[in-house]
Amino acid sequence: MLPGSCYYHPFVYIYTVSGKATTINYFVNAQFFYCMYDFDHILLALDFTELDNYLLKYTFEFARLASSDKIVLMHVVNRAVKLDEDVPDPEKQGATVTQREIILRKMQQLVAQNTGEGQQAEVVMRVKNGDPLTDILNVARKQDADVVVVGRKTVAEGSGELARKLV
């Protein structure tokens, strides 16, 4: 697998950003996945669809088997959304919170629901507003991601456009 290569599972695209030689044998849902690179840093793009639970479980297991150091979870919202503007807190009557905090809570809940046993990689959460493709690739570079994982939408909610653009 060369940098810039893309391999996919029925619901997941794995796009290599860089690579360092090693061998990982990976088995998921009766499918054998073989790659020849270290994945120290993984970037996972989330969009809060039903596919996110599957992506998180897949990525956490992949990170565990690959002995990854860091997983960056990322969500990109429309440019019109003001992430740092106060809005009513949906969890506490009369309190306010920023849109960014609401999104980070959702991400934390997803992580809590899907973290597997033996998960040792540091989990970092990023929320941006802008263009998903551009922002994900920029964060991948800044975070030194070895691999970017995005959902492959064939049956799930959403267009799947980001995965097609990455490939």
Foldseek 3Di string as FASTA:
>chain_A
DAQQDWDDDPWKIKHFNHFDADWFWDADPNDTDIDGGQFQEEEEEDAPWPCLLVLLLVVQVVCQRSVHAEYEYEYEAAPVADQADWDQDPVDPPDIDGNVVVVVVVVVVSCVVRHDPPRDHHYHYYYYYDDVLVVSVVVCVVVVGRIYMYTQDDPIPDDSVNVVVSD
